[in-house]
Amino acid sequence: MARRKKRRKGGRPPEFGFFGDLLDTTPTATLDLHGDTAVEAERRVKDFVATHARISKGQVIHIITGRGGGSGRRPVLPGAVRKALTSEISRFVEEFDKDLDEAGFLVRLK
């Protein structure tokens, strides 16, 4: 006869920080970088963030990089986007992290 696992009582649910709120928010704008080179992606991200920092203050935007599986090599766009978000435009960014699919970034603007 199989034994049942006992449930632990009093366990606390996982705590979600601000990132949980980031995932729950519907992005106001999306930038799709599929097919871009790293240099093009960096420039487009900087322009996109700077523009939306003015018109979408405090909102969440979505930057789609893809997983990089189509190239057959190591993905370059996620690194280029992370580099852009931590460069001079970081003054517009309150927080950012990978999306649920890990194929892009969710960015909350200041």
C-alpha atoms as a PDB file:
ATOM      1  CA  MET A   1       0.000   0.000   0.000  1.00  0.00           C
ATOM      2  CA  ALA A   2       1.417   3.404  -1.006  1.00  0.00           C
ATOM      3  CA  ARG A   3       1.988   6.056   1.603  1.00  0.00           C
ATOM      4  CA  ARG A   4       0.559   9.503   1.194  1.00  0.00           C
ATOM      5  CA  LYS A   5       2.682  12.556   1.561  1.00  0.00           C
ATOM      6  CA  LYS A   6       1.656  14.744   4.452  1.00  0.00           C
ATOM      7  CA  ARG A   7       1.001  18.367   3.721  1.00  0.00           C
ATOM      8  CA  ARG A   8       3.014  20.795   5.714  1.00  0.00           C
ATOM      9  CA  LYS A   9       0.849  23.157   7.690  1.00  0.00           C
ATOM     10  CA  GLY A  10       1.721  26.761   8.237  1.00  0.00           C
ATOM     11  CA  GLY A  11       3.838  27.042   5.110  1.00  0.00           C
ATOM     12  CA  ARG A  12       4.075  30.534   3.744  1.00  0.00           C
ATOM     13  CA  PRO A  13       3.252  31.173   0.114  1.00  0.00           C
ATOM     14  CA  PRO A  14       6.096  32.492  -1.995  1.00  0.00           C
ATOM     15  CA  GLU A  15       6.551  36.209  -1.780  1.00  0.00           C
ATOM     16  CA  PHE A  16       6.632  38.105  -4.990  1.00  0.00           C
ATOM     17  CA  GLY A  17       8.421  41.389  -4.990  1.00  0.00           C
ATOM     18  CA  PHE A  18       7.959  44.174  -7.459  1.00  0.00           C
ATOM     19  CA  PHE A  19       8.721  41.743 -10.283  1.00  0.00           C
ATOM     20  CA  GLY A  20       5.411  39.970  -9.565  1.00  0.00           C
ATOM     21  CA  ASP A  21       3.673  43.268 -10.194  1.00  0.00           C
ATOM     22  CA  LEU A  22       5.739  43.705 -13.333  1.00  0.00           C
ATOM     23  CA  LEU A  23       4.440  40.410 -14.723  1.00  0.00           C
ATOM     24  CA  ASP A  24       0.840  41.255 -13.828  1.00  0.00           C
ATOM     25  CA  THR A  25       0.892  44.559 -15.692  1.00  0.00           C
ATOM     26  CA  THR A  26      -0.192  44.766 -19.303  1.00  0.00           C
ATOM     27  CA  PRO A  27       2.520  46.495 -21.347  1.00  0.00           C
ATOM     28  CA  THR A  28       1.520  49.777 -22.958  1.00  0.00           C
ATOM     29  CA  ALA A  29       3.895  49.283 -25.897  1.00  0.00           C
ATOM     30  CA  THR A  30       5.920  46.494 -27.486  1.00  0.00           C
ATOM     31  CA  LEU A  31       9.155  46.536 -29.477  1.00  0.00           C
ATOM     32  CA  ASP A  32       9.947  43.424 -31.530  1.00  0.00           C
ATOM     33  CA  LEU A  33      13.639  43.020 -32.325  1.00  0.00           C
ATOM     34  CA  HIS A  34      13.459  39.746 -34.274  1.00  0.00           C
ATOM     35  CA  GLY A  35      15.911  39.870 -37.164  1.00  0.00           C
ATOM     36  CA  ASP A  36      17.913  42.833 -35.850  1.00  0.00           C
ATOM     37  CA  THR A  37      21.655  42.778 -35.313  1.00  0.00           C
ATOM     38  CA  ALA A  38      23.009  43.609 -31.844  1.00  0.00           C
ATOM     39  CA  VAL A  39      23.956  47.139 -32.940  1.00  0.00           C
ATOM     40  CA  GLU A  40      20.523  47.792 -34.478  1.00  0.00           C
ATOM     41  CA  ALA A  41      18.787  46.366 -31.415  1.00  0.00           C
ATOM     42  CA  GLU A  42      20.753  48.563 -29.013  1.00  0.00           C
ATOM     43  CA  ARG A  43      19.927  51.710 -30.984  1.00  0.00           C
ATOM     44  CA  ARG A  44      16.235  50.797 -31.309  1.00  0.00           C
ATOM     45  CA  VAL A  45      15.930  49.990 -27.585  1.00  0.00           C
ATOM     46  CA  LYS A  46      17.510  53.305 -26.608  1.00  0.00           C
ATOM     47  CA  ASP A  47      15.160  55.248 -28.904  1.00  0.00           C
ATOM     48  CA  PHE A  48      12.111  53.248 -27.786  1.00  0.00           C
ATOM     49  CA  VAL A  49      12.810  53.683 -24.066  1.00  0.00           C
ATOM     50  CA  ALA A  50      13.625  57.383 -24.389  1.00  0.00           C
ATOM     51  CA  THR A  51      10.418  58.002 -26.342  1.00  0.00           C
ATOM     52  CA  HIS A  52       8.180  56.032 -24.002  1.00  0.00           C
ATOM     53  CA  ALA A  53       9.798  57.539 -20.910  1.00  0.00           C
ATOM     54  CA  ARG A  54       8.235  60.824 -22.035  1.00  0.00           C
ATOM     55  CA  ILE A  55       4.801  59.541 -23.089  1.00  0.00           C
ATOM     56  CA  SER A  56       4.296  56.515 -20.800  1.00  0.00           C
ATOM     57  CA  LYS A  57       5.774  57.514 -17.439  1.00  0.00           C
ATOM     58  CA  GLY A  58       5.486  54.757 -14.835  1.00  0.00           C
ATOM     59  CA  GLN A  59       4.158  52.250 -17.357  1.00  0.00           C
ATOM     60  CA  VAL A  60       5.516  48.870 -18.429  1.00  0.00           C
ATOM     61  CA  ILE A  61       6.849  48.237 -21.925  1.00  0.00           C
ATOM     62  CA  HIS A  62       7.747  44.902 -23.514  1.00  0.00           C
ATOM     63  CA  ILE A  63      10.879  44.355 -25.583  1.00  0.00           C
ATOM     64  CA  ILE A  64      10.831  41.084 -27.533  1.00  0.00           C
ATOM     65  CA  THR A  65      14.218  39.572 -28.352  1.00  0.00           C
ATOM     66  CA  GLY A  66      13.314  35.969 -29.102  1.00  0.00           C
ATOM     67  CA  ARG A  67      15.266  33.061 -27.712  1.00  0.00           C
ATOM     68  CA  GLY A  68      17.892  33.061 -30.445  1.00  0.00           C
ATOM     69  CA  GLY A  69      17.224  29.503 -31.573  1.00  0.00           C
ATOM     70  CA  GLY A  70      16.894  30.445 -35.236  1.00  0.00           C
ATOM     71  CA  SER A  71      20.472  31.580 -35.601  1.00  0.00           C
ATOM     72  CA  GLY A  72      22.019  28.256 -34.640  1.00  0.00           C
ATOM     73  CA  ARG A  73      24.528  30.122 -32.481  1.00  0.00           C
ATOM     74  CA  ARG A  74      24.496  31.780 -29.096  1.00  0.00           C
ATOM     75  CA  PRO A  75      21.718  34.428 -28.753  1.00  0.00           C
ATOM     76  CA  VAL A  76      23.054  37.990 -28.979  1.00  0.00           C
ATOM     77  CA  LEU A  77      19.926  40.149 -28.661  1.00  0.00           C
ATOM     78  CA  PRO A  78      19.239  39.551 -24.939  1.00  0.00           C
ATOM     79  CA  GLY A  79      22.753  40.725 -24.092  1.00  0.00           C
ATOM     80  CA  ALA A  80      22.433  43.754 -26.370  1.00  0.00           C
ATOM     81  CA  VAL A  81      19.123  44.731 -24.765  1.00  0.00           C
ATOM     82  CA  ARG A  82      20.498  44.291 -21.237  1.00  0.00           C
ATOM     83  CA  LYS A  83      23.519  46.422 -22.214  1.00  0.00           C
ATOM     84  CA  ALA A  84      21.234  49.142 -23.618  1.00  0.00           C
ATOM     85  CA  LEU A  85      18.990  49.146 -20.537  1.00  0.00           C
ATOM     86  CA  THR A  86      21.977  49.585 -18.220  1.00  0.00           C
ATOM     87  CA  SER A  87      23.598  52.317 -20.345  1.00  0.00           C
ATOM     88  CA  GLU A  88      22.784  56.026 -20.361  1.00  0.00           C
ATOM     89  CA  ILE A  89      19.043  55.333 -20.689  1.00  0.00           C
ATOM     90  CA  SER A  90      19.033  53.614 -17.288  1.00  0.00           C
ATOM     91  CA  ARG A  91      17.907  56.951 -15.857  1.00  0.00           C
ATOM     92  CA  PHE A  92      14.496  56.280 -17.494  1.00  0.00           C
ATOM     93  CA  VAL A  93      14.240  52.686 -16.231  1.00  0.00           C
ATOM     94  CA  GLU A  94      12.880  51.869 -12.787  1.00  0.00           C
ATOM     95  CA  GLU A  95      13.283  48.098 -13.175  1.00  0.00           C
ATOM     96  CA  PHE A  96      13.494  45.398 -15.808  1.00  0.00           C
ATOM     97  CA  ASP A  97      13.597  41.637 -15.982  1.00  0.00           C
ATOM     98  CA  LYS A  98      13.027  38.741 -18.372  1.00  0.00           C
ATOM     99  CA  ASP A  99       9.438  38.008 -19.353  1.00  0.00           C
ATOM    100  CA  LEU A 100       7.791  34.671 -18.558  1.00  0.00           C
ATOM    101  CA  ASP A 101       8.925  33.049 -21.818  1.00  0.00           C
ATOM    102  CA  GLU A 102      12.472  34.378 -21.380  1.00  0.00           C
ATOM    103  CA  ALA A 103      12.164  35.654 -24.934  1.00  0.00           C
ATOM    104  CA  GLY A 104      12.165  39.330 -24.042  1.00  0.00           C
ATOM    105  CA  PHE A 105      12.192  41.915 -21.277  1.00  0.00           C
ATOM    106  CA  LEU A 106       9.525  43.718 -19.309  1.00  0.00           C
ATOM    107  CA  VAL A 107      10.621  47.243 -18.420  1.00  0.00           C
ATOM    108  CA  ARG A 108       8.964  49.591 -15.942  1.00  0.00           C
ATOM    109  CA  LEU A 109       9.716  53.205 -16.768  1.00  0.00           C
ATOM    110  CA  LYS A 110      10.271  55.957 -14.200  1.00  0.00           C
END
